[in-house]
Amino acid sequence: MRRKIWIKRRRNSVKLDWRKTMRMWTINIIAVVVVALLWVSLAHAQPELKVGQEVAIHFGYDLSLTPICYGRVVFVYTDEIGLARLPNDNVLPNRCRTVRRESVTGYRILKPAPRPEFKLPNVVEYEKCQQQKKRDEKEPPPSKFGVDNSGFSFPCQKIYSDDFDAIAKELRWLREGIKGLKK
């Protein structure tokens, strides 16, 4: 009797498409990098402070080995030293004087930064330009290309356009303030 020998057939090997696998790995790596960058940026996010702005920083931590410290410290942002503590602020116990960054739980802006008084940018140059304009009216400069230049000074045109830009910017700011008050 004959023995039947069963030969196992090998399955055809499937070739990997290296383009698809590279695309998959690059998408995964990009996703991991984006998530890591967002996590780090949120952990170190800080408010943008302006000069003269009052900010209350809330802190609180309760560890078993250290005493309980909860509270609020009010700071004013200055040009010279950065955050300066207000002297009339509530007094903290000595054990809670140094507040670590990890224990900060939030902040609140108490007073917005004062807006500087509006001034036209080129007041001195504007006066010089007016004097030049008066001189040009009395004695017009020689005309070039056969065009009459009386009563017109080219440097004044730039000063006027700068002033118009400053006035437009101020009006935009006031309009936003009025919209904020209406809401």
Protein backbone atom coordinates (compact mmCIF):
# COMPACT_ATOMS: atom_id res chain seq x y z
CA MET A 1 0.00 0.00 0.00
CA ARG A 2 1.17 3.34 -0.85
CA ARG A 3 1.60 5.94 1.67
CA LYS A 4 0.28 9.29 0.89
CA ILE A 5 2.61 12.01 1.79
CA TRP A 6 0.94 15.23 2.53
CA ILE A 7 3.10 18.10 1.65
CA LYS A 8 2.23 21.26 3.37
CA ARG A 9 2.01 24.03 0.98
CA ARG A 10 3.51 27.29 1.94
CA ARG A 11 1.29 30.23 1.69
CA ASN A 12 2.38 32.92 -0.65
CA SER A 13 4.13 35.60 1.30
CA VAL A 14 2.48 38.96 1.16
CA LYS A 15 4.83 41.74 0.30
CA LEU A 16 4.59 44.75 2.55
CA ASP A 17 3.95 48.03 0.86
CA TRP A 18 6.66 50.16 2.44
CA ARG A 19 4.91 53.38 1.41
CA LYS A 20 1.79 52.52 3.40
CA THR A 21 3.73 51.47 6.48
CA MET A 22 5.93 54.58 6.36
CA ARG A 23 2.86 56.77 6.03
CA MET A 24 1.26 55.04 9.01
CA TRP A 25 4.37 55.45 11.16
CA THR A 26 4.83 59.12 10.23
CA ILE A 27 1.20 59.88 11.08
CA ASN A 28 1.60 58.13 14.44
CA ILE A 29 4.85 59.96 15.22
CA ILE A 30 3.38 63.35 14.26
CA ALA A 31 0.33 62.70 16.44
CA VAL A 32 2.52 61.78 19.43
CA VAL A 33 4.69 64.89 18.96
CA VAL A 34 1.65 67.19 18.70
CA VAL A 35 0.08 65.73 21.84
CA ALA A 36 3.38 66.05 23.73
CA LEU A 37 3.85 69.67 22.65
CA LEU A 38 0.29 70.59 23.63
CA TRP A 39 0.71 68.93 27.01
CA VAL A 40 3.94 70.81 27.72
CA SER A 41 2.60 74.15 26.48
CA LEU A 42 -0.54 73.91 28.62
CA ALA A 43 1.53 73.09 31.67
CA HIS A 44 3.64 76.23 31.29
CA ALA A 45 0.93 78.61 30.09
CA GLN A 46 1.11 82.00 31.77
CA PRO A 47 -1.08 85.06 31.46
CA GLU A 48 0.19 87.98 29.42
CA LEU A 49 0.71 90.77 31.92
CA LYS A 50 0.85 94.48 31.15
CA VAL A 51 2.35 97.31 33.17
CA GLY A 52 0.05 98.50 35.96
CA GLN A 53 -2.20 95.44 35.86
CA GLU A 54 -3.28 93.90 39.19
CA VAL A 55 -3.39 90.11 39.29
CA ALA A 56 -4.53 87.82 42.09
CA ILE A 57 -2.69 84.50 42.14
CA HIS A 58 -4.61 81.75 43.92
CA PHE A 59 -2.65 78.93 45.47
CA GLY A 60 -3.44 75.98 47.64
CA TYR A 61 -1.83 72.71 48.52
CA ASP A 62 -2.44 70.15 51.18
CA LEU A 63 0.36 67.68 51.74
CA SER A 64 0.46 65.37 54.72
CA LEU A 65 3.89 66.61 55.88
CA THR A 66 3.37 70.34 55.40
CA PRO A 67 0.78 72.62 56.98
CA ILE A 68 -2.27 73.56 54.96
CA CYS A 69 -1.75 76.75 52.97
CA TYR A 70 -4.57 78.26 50.99
CA GLY A 71 -4.89 81.85 49.97
CA ARG A 72 -4.56 84.62 47.49
CA VAL A 73 -1.73 87.03 46.82
CA VAL A 74 -2.23 90.24 44.84
CA PHE A 75 0.56 91.43 42.56
CA VAL A 76 1.07 94.43 40.28
CA TYR A 77 3.14 94.05 37.14
CA THR A 78 5.88 96.71 36.76
CA ASP A 79 8.58 97.39 34.19
CA GLU A 80 11.52 97.28 36.58
CA ILE A 81 10.98 94.16 38.66
CA GLY A 82 8.13 92.29 37.04
CA LEU A 83 5.58 91.11 39.61
CA ALA A 84 5.55 93.23 42.78
CA ARG A 85 3.44 92.31 45.78
CA LEU A 86 0.99 94.91 47.02
CA PRO A 87 1.76 96.06 50.58
CA ASN A 88 -1.89 96.15 51.72
CA ASP A 89 -2.42 92.53 50.72
CA ASN A 90 -3.53 89.95 53.26
CA VAL A 91 -0.62 88.70 55.36
CA LEU A 92 0.29 85.06 54.97
CA PRO A 93 1.78 82.95 57.75
CA ASN A 94 5.55 82.46 57.53
CA ARG A 95 5.21 78.82 56.50
CA CYS A 96 3.22 79.86 53.41
CA ARG A 97 5.35 82.81 52.25
CA THR A 98 7.10 80.98 49.43
CA VAL A 99 4.62 79.67 46.92
CA ARG A 100 5.88 77.06 44.52
CA ARG A 101 4.75 77.15 40.93
CA GLU A 102 3.20 73.70 41.23
CA SER A 103 0.88 74.90 44.00
CA VAL A 104 -0.60 77.76 41.97
CA THR A 105 -4.20 76.83 41.21
CA GLY A 106 -5.24 79.84 39.16
CA TYR A 107 -5.15 83.56 38.64
CA ARG A 108 -7.61 86.39 38.18
CA ILE A 109 -7.04 89.82 36.69
CA LEU A 110 -8.36 92.34 39.22
CA LYS A 111 -7.73 95.62 37.41
CA PRO A 112 -6.88 95.94 33.73
CA ALA A 113 -3.79 97.82 32.67
CA PRO A 114 -4.38 101.56 32.44
CA ARG A 115 -4.53 102.82 28.88
CA PRO A 116 -2.04 105.57 28.09
CA GLU A 117 -3.45 108.96 27.17
CA PHE A 118 -4.01 109.41 23.45
CA LYS A 119 -1.56 111.73 21.70
CA LEU A 120 -0.88 112.37 18.06
CA PRO A 121 2.44 110.75 17.19
CA ASN A 122 4.09 113.68 15.40
CA VAL A 123 3.21 116.82 17.36
CA VAL A 124 6.67 118.45 17.04
CA GLU A 125 7.03 117.52 13.39
CA TYR A 126 3.50 118.77 12.79
CA GLU A 127 4.45 122.25 14.04
CA LYS A 128 7.54 122.28 11.81
CA CYS A 129 5.39 121.19 8.91
CA GLN A 130 2.91 124.02 9.53
CA GLN A 131 5.78 126.53 9.52
CA GLN A 132 7.09 125.04 6.26
CA LYS A 133 3.60 125.26 4.78
CA LYS A 134 3.33 128.96 5.70
CA ARG A 135 6.73 129.60 4.08
CA ASP A 136 5.62 127.73 0.97
CA GLU A 137 2.45 129.83 0.75
CA LYS A 138 4.46 133.08 0.91
CA GLU A 139 7.22 131.94 -1.41
CA PRO A 140 6.28 128.79 -3.37
CA PRO A 141 9.17 126.44 -4.15
CA PRO A 142 10.24 126.22 -7.78
CA SER A 143 7.95 123.92 -9.70
CA LYS A 144 9.29 120.75 -11.23
CA PHE A 145 7.89 119.26 -14.39
CA GLY A 146 5.69 122.30 -14.93
CA VAL A 147 3.39 121.50 -11.95
CA ASP A 148 2.35 124.21 -9.50
CA ASN A 149 3.60 123.23 -6.00
CA SER A 150 2.13 126.15 -4.06
CA GLY A 151 0.58 125.28 -0.69
CA PHE A 152 1.74 121.67 -0.69
CA SER A 153 4.67 120.16 1.15
CA PHE A 154 5.56 116.50 0.66
CA PRO A 155 6.88 115.82 4.21
CA CYS A 156 3.54 117.05 5.58
CA GLN A 157 1.68 114.41 3.62
CA LYS A 158 3.44 111.55 5.46
CA ILE A 159 2.85 113.20 8.84
CA TYR A 160 -0.84 113.62 8.06
CA SER A 161 -1.19 109.96 7.01
CA ASP A 162 0.54 108.82 10.25
CA ASP A 163 -1.86 110.98 12.26
CA PHE A 164 -4.87 109.59 10.42
CA ASP A 165 -3.65 106.05 11.14
CA ALA A 166 -3.26 106.86 14.86
CA ILE A 167 -6.73 108.44 15.02
CA ALA A 168 -8.27 105.44 13.22
CA LYS A 169 -6.57 103.05 15.65
CA GLU A 170 -7.86 105.04 18.64
CA LEU A 171 -11.40 105.07 17.23
CA ARG A 172 -11.27 101.29 16.70
CA TRP A 173 -10.20 100.82 20.33
CA LEU A 174 -13.01 103.08 21.57
CA ARG A 175 -15.55 101.22 19.41
CA GLU A 176 -14.46 97.89 20.93
CA GLY A 177 -14.78 99.41 24.41
CA ILE A 178 -18.31 100.60 23.67
CA LYS A 179 -19.27 97.14 22.35
CA GLY A 180 -17.89 95.61 25.55
CA LEU A 181 -19.97 97.98 27.68
CA LYS A 182 -23.14 97.18 25.72
CA LYS A 183 -22.73 93.47 26.39
